[in-house]
């Protein structure tokens, strides 16, 4: 008798969950816009986030890091590095798309220039959004590369410097039975490196300089001793 009663109750629950009030609600995101690197919250009434062994979220097609599953209805995710614009947030269980909602990725305050140096020729490989602090002058008097971000009229908008990618030895971590050690190796030519600039819409070009060892860029005299090696026109602003 008890077994029959249990079966009847289970069947009743199955039938009841066919009604709209028992179905999962729409995916809601707060806030509805954010910059790359910022955290947003996804909410779905009657969701089952905690039971998802293969929970996956994409924003504009880019994988989003799930920072925290708060409950079966709420989870926090991080906006991935991607260009600004209106996109779609999609929630997957494995390869199965569960639900989606509209979202707006805001422009970031930082642009990372990934570049290649071969001899004295500099090539911009790509420009991408970033959320780190912009690059400050390298605190060294060893050889450096210096950069002027300029507008269409050639006026300098931002200046920074980095240790010279080829003339500076690279630190390499080596593991052995006696523990980890740090070894220094001569850098290779060509070298791939990156520099973070502020996101300035007026930026139209990049001037690259060689800074000899011992030159202090903290004053105008040192800045005048920079040696021009390359000038990059458009496009440098990126997406």
Protein backbone atom coordinates (compact mmCIF):
# COMPACT_ATOMS: atom_id res chain seq x y z
CA UNK A 1 0.00 0.00 0.00
CA UNK A 2 2.76 2.42 0.95
CA UNK A 3 4.65 1.54 -2.22
CA UNK A 4 1.59 2.29 -4.36
CA UNK A 5 1.12 5.60 -2.56
CA UNK A 6 4.77 6.55 -3.22
CA UNK A 7 4.38 5.75 -6.92
CA UNK A 8 1.20 7.81 -7.16
CA UNK A 9 2.89 10.82 -5.48
CA UNK A 10 5.92 10.55 -7.78
CA UNK A 11 3.70 10.45 -10.86
CA UNK A 12 1.73 13.42 -9.58
CA UNK A 13 4.93 15.42 -9.16
CA UNK A 14 6.05 14.55 -12.69
CA UNK A 15 2.71 15.63 -14.12
CA UNK A 16 2.69 18.81 -12.01
CA UNK A 17 6.13 19.83 -13.27
CA UNK A 18 4.78 20.00 -16.80
CA UNK A 19 2.99 23.21 -15.85
CA UNK A 20 4.75 26.53 -16.73
CA UNK A 21 5.06 27.42 -13.03
CA UNK A 22 7.41 24.47 -12.50
CA UNK A 23 9.70 25.23 -15.44
CA UNK A 24 13.02 27.06 -15.14
CA UNK A 25 12.79 30.83 -15.41
CA UNK A 26 14.64 33.04 -17.89
CA UNK A 27 18.33 33.81 -17.36
CA UNK A 28 18.77 37.23 -15.70
CA UNK A 29 22.09 39.05 -15.49
CA UNK A 30 23.04 41.90 -13.13
CA UNK A 31 24.41 44.31 -14.08
CA UNK A 32 23.39 44.18 -17.73
CA UNK A 33 26.73 45.68 -18.83
CA UNK A 34 30.31 45.48 -17.53
CA UNK A 35 33.96 45.74 -18.57
CA UNK A 36 36.27 42.77 -19.22
CA UNK A 37 37.58 41.42 -15.93
CA UNK A 38 34.56 42.53 -13.92
CA UNK A 39 32.25 40.09 -12.16
CA UNK A 40 28.55 39.72 -12.94
CA UNK A 41 25.79 37.56 -11.43
CA UNK A 42 23.55 35.16 -13.32
CA UNK A 43 20.18 34.23 -11.86
CA UNK A 44 17.59 31.70 -13.00
CA UNK A 45 14.46 30.82 -11.04
CA UNK A 46 14.28 27.07 -10.42
CA UNK A 47 17.75 26.65 -11.88
CA UNK A 48 19.98 23.74 -10.94
CA UNK A 49 23.42 25.34 -11.07
CA UNK A 50 24.78 23.31 -8.16
CA UNK A 51 23.93 20.00 -9.83
CA UNK A 52 25.73 20.86 -13.10
CA UNK A 53 28.90 18.79 -13.36
CA UNK A 54 29.63 20.32 -16.76
CA UNK A 55 28.37 23.88 -16.23
CA UNK A 56 29.78 26.22 -18.87
CA UNK A 57 29.16 29.90 -19.58
CA UNK A 58 30.18 31.90 -22.66
CA UNK A 59 29.92 35.65 -23.22
CA UNK A 60 29.96 36.67 -26.84
CA UNK A 61 31.26 33.21 -27.68
CA UNK A 62 34.24 33.54 -25.31
CA UNK A 63 34.51 31.18 -22.31
CA UNK A 64 33.72 32.91 -19.01
CA UNK A 65 35.34 31.90 -15.72
CA UNK A 66 32.75 30.74 -13.17
CA UNK A 67 33.99 32.40 -9.99
CA UNK A 68 31.42 31.07 -7.56
CA UNK A 69 28.24 28.97 -7.54
CA UNK A 70 26.14 30.63 -4.83
CA UNK A 71 23.06 28.43 -4.98
CA UNK A 72 21.02 26.44 -7.46
CA UNK A 73 19.70 29.74 -8.84
CA UNK A 74 22.71 32.13 -8.68
CA UNK A 75 26.32 32.11 -9.81
CA UNK A 76 29.05 34.72 -10.39
CA UNK A 77 31.09 34.78 -13.59
CA UNK A 78 33.87 37.02 -14.92
CA UNK A 79 33.53 38.96 -18.17
CA UNK A 80 36.28 37.64 -20.50
CA UNK A 81 38.74 39.69 -22.54
CA UNK A 82 36.87 40.68 -25.68
CA UNK A 83 35.94 43.71 -27.73
CA UNK A 84 33.17 46.03 -26.57
CA UNK A 85 29.68 45.53 -27.97
CA UNK A 86 26.30 43.86 -27.54
CA UNK A 87 26.68 40.11 -27.08
CA UNK A 88 24.80 37.08 -25.78
CA UNK A 89 25.48 35.20 -22.55
CA UNK A 90 24.92 31.48 -23.07
CA UNK A 91 24.63 28.85 -20.35
CA UNK A 92 25.53 25.27 -21.29
CA UNK A 93 25.29 21.92 -19.58
CA UNK A 94 28.06 20.12 -21.40
CA UNK A 95 27.40 20.76 -25.09
CA UNK A 96 23.67 21.38 -24.55
CA UNK A 97 22.60 25.04 -24.61
CA UNK A 98 20.28 25.59 -21.63
CA UNK A 99 19.43 29.29 -21.88
CA UNK A 100 20.78 32.68 -22.94
CA UNK A 101 20.31 36.41 -22.40
CA UNK A 102 21.49 39.72 -23.85
CA UNK A 103 24.48 41.58 -22.39
CA UNK A 104 26.71 44.55 -23.24
CA UNK A 105 30.49 44.39 -22.90
CA UNK A 106 31.82 47.87 -22.11
CA UNK A 107 35.11 49.22 -23.38
CA UNK A 108 38.12 48.74 -21.10
CA UNK A 109 40.42 51.50 -19.86
CA UNK A 110 43.51 49.57 -20.94
CA UNK A 111 44.90 48.33 -24.25
CA UNK A 112 47.62 45.67 -24.44
CA UNK A 113 49.84 45.90 -27.50
CA UNK A 114 51.44 42.55 -28.33
CA UNK A 115 54.52 43.27 -30.45
CA UNK A 116 57.43 41.56 -32.15
CA UNK A 117 60.97 42.96 -32.24
CA UNK A 118 63.37 41.71 -34.91
CA UNK A 119 66.60 43.71 -34.91
CA UNK A 120 65.24 47.25 -34.87
CA UNK A 121 61.94 46.49 -36.63
CA UNK A 122 58.83 46.48 -34.44
CA UNK A 123 55.57 44.90 -35.57
CA UNK A 124 52.24 45.12 -33.77
CA UNK A 125 50.81 41.58 -33.78
CA UNK A 126 47.53 42.45 -32.11
CA UNK A 127 45.86 44.99 -29.80
CA UNK A 128 43.53 43.61 -27.14
CA UNK A 129 41.57 44.91 -24.14
CA UNK A 130 43.08 44.45 -20.69
CA UNK A 131 42.17 45.34 -17.12
CA UNK A 132 45.68 45.60 -15.63
CA UNK A 133 47.39 48.85 -14.74
CA UNK A 134 48.97 50.64 -17.69
CA UNK A 135 52.72 50.32 -18.16
CA UNK A 136 55.00 52.60 -16.14
CA UNK A 137 58.61 53.41 -17.00
CA UNK A 138 60.93 50.48 -16.33
CA UNK A 139 62.94 51.17 -13.18
CA UNK A 140 66.36 50.40 -14.63
CA UNK A 141 69.23 52.17 -16.35
CA UNK A 142 69.96 49.15 -18.52
CA UNK A 143 69.05 49.29 -22.24
CA UNK A 144 65.33 49.85 -22.80
CA UNK A 145 62.70 50.42 -25.42
CA UNK A 146 60.67 53.61 -25.05
CA UNK A 147 57.27 54.25 -26.64
CA UNK A 148 55.29 57.39 -27.46
CA UNK A 149 51.59 56.90 -28.16
CA UNK A 150 50.68 59.79 -30.50
CA UNK A 151 47.60 61.29 -32.13
CA UNK A 152 47.06 62.08 -35.82
CA UNK A 153 48.96 65.37 -35.44
CA UNK A 154 51.98 63.62 -33.93
CA UNK A 155 51.41 64.94 -30.43
CA UNK A 156 52.45 62.60 -27.63
CA UNK A 157 49.54 61.25 -25.59
CA UNK A 158 51.39 58.77 -23.38
CA UNK A 159 55.01 57.69 -22.88
CA UNK A 160 56.42 54.59 -21.24
CA UNK A 161 59.42 52.26 -21.41
CA UNK A 162 60.29 48.60 -20.84
CA UNK A 163 63.50 46.61 -20.42
CA UNK A 164 64.92 45.87 -23.87
CA UNK A 165 63.42 42.49 -24.92
CA UNK A 166 66.60 41.36 -26.72
CA UNK A 167 69.38 42.99 -24.70
CA UNK A 168 67.95 41.95 -21.33
CA UNK A 169 68.58 38.45 -20.04
CA UNK A 170 65.46 36.38 -19.43
CA UNK A 171 64.76 34.66 -16.11
CA UNK A 172 63.94 30.97 -16.49
CA UNK A 173 62.69 28.76 -13.65
CA UNK A 174 64.41 25.38 -13.51
CA UNK A 175 63.27 22.45 -11.33
CA UNK A 176 65.72 19.90 -10.01
CA UNK A 177 66.03 17.40 -7.16
CA UNK A 178 67.48 20.21 -5.04
CA UNK A 179 64.51 22.50 -5.63
CA UNK A 180 63.57 25.28 -8.01
CA UNK A 181 66.24 27.68 -9.22
CA UNK A 182 66.21 30.80 -11.37
CA UNK A 183 68.57 30.84 -14.33
CA UNK A 184 69.36 33.74 -16.64
CA UNK A 185 69.53 33.20 -20.37
CA UNK A 186 70.24 35.57 -23.24
CA UNK A 187 67.03 36.66 -24.93
CA UNK A 188 66.32 35.54 -28.47
CA UNK A 189 65.99 37.65 -31.59
CA UNK A 190 63.20 38.02 -32.65
CA UNK A 191 61.41 38.60 -29.36
CA UNK A 192 57.68 38.84 -28.66
CA UNK A 193 56.60 41.17 -25.85
CA UNK A 194 53.66 43.31 -24.77
CA UNK A 195 53.09 46.83 -23.44
CA UNK A 196 49.95 48.15 -21.72
CA UNK A 197 48.74 51.61 -22.79
CA UNK A 198 45.71 53.62 -21.67
CA UNK A 199 42.76 53.27 -24.03
CA UNK A 200 42.85 56.62 -25.82
CA UNK A 201 40.52 56.90 -28.85
CA UNK A 202 42.66 59.72 -30.29
CA UNK A 203 45.72 57.43 -30.50
CA UNK A 204 46.72 56.90 -34.13
CA UNK A 205 50.37 55.88 -34.02
CA UNK A 206 53.25 54.56 -31.98
CA UNK A 207 56.86 55.77 -31.98
CA UNK A 208 59.53 53.38 -30.75
CA UNK A 209 62.93 54.45 -29.39
CA UNK A 210 66.08 52.70 -28.24
CA UNK A 211 67.32 53.90 -24.84
CA UNK A 212 71.06 53.27 -24.26
CA UNK A 213 72.29 52.04 -20.90
CA UNK A 214 72.75 54.78 -18.30
CA UNK A 215 70.20 57.19 -19.80
CA UNK A 216 67.76 58.58 -17.21
CA UNK A 217 64.30 59.14 -18.67
CA UNK A 218 63.14 61.07 -15.60
CA UNK A 219 64.27 64.39 -17.14
CA UNK A 220 63.97 66.03 -20.55
CA UNK A 221 67.70 65.66 -21.25
CA UNK A 222 67.45 61.89 -20.95
CA UNK A 223 64.33 61.80 -23.11
CA UNK A 224 66.16 63.72 -25.85
CA UNK A 225 68.87 61.01 -25.86
CA UNK A 226 66.44 58.35 -27.03
CA UNK A 227 67.30 56.93 -30.45
CA UNK A 228 64.32 56.57 -32.87
CA UNK A 229 64.17 53.07 -34.34
CA UNK A 230 60.66 52.63 -35.73
CA UNK A 231 57.33 54.39 -36.28
CA UNK A 232 54.04 52.54 -36.50
CA UNK A 233 51.07 54.23 -38.06
CA UNK A 234 47.56 52.76 -38.08
CA UNK A 235 46.01 50.56 -36.94
CA UNK A 236 47.17 50.64 -33.35
CA UNK A 237 43.95 51.40 -31.48
CA UNK A 238 42.53 47.92 -31.91
CA UNK A 239 38.95 46.76 -31.28
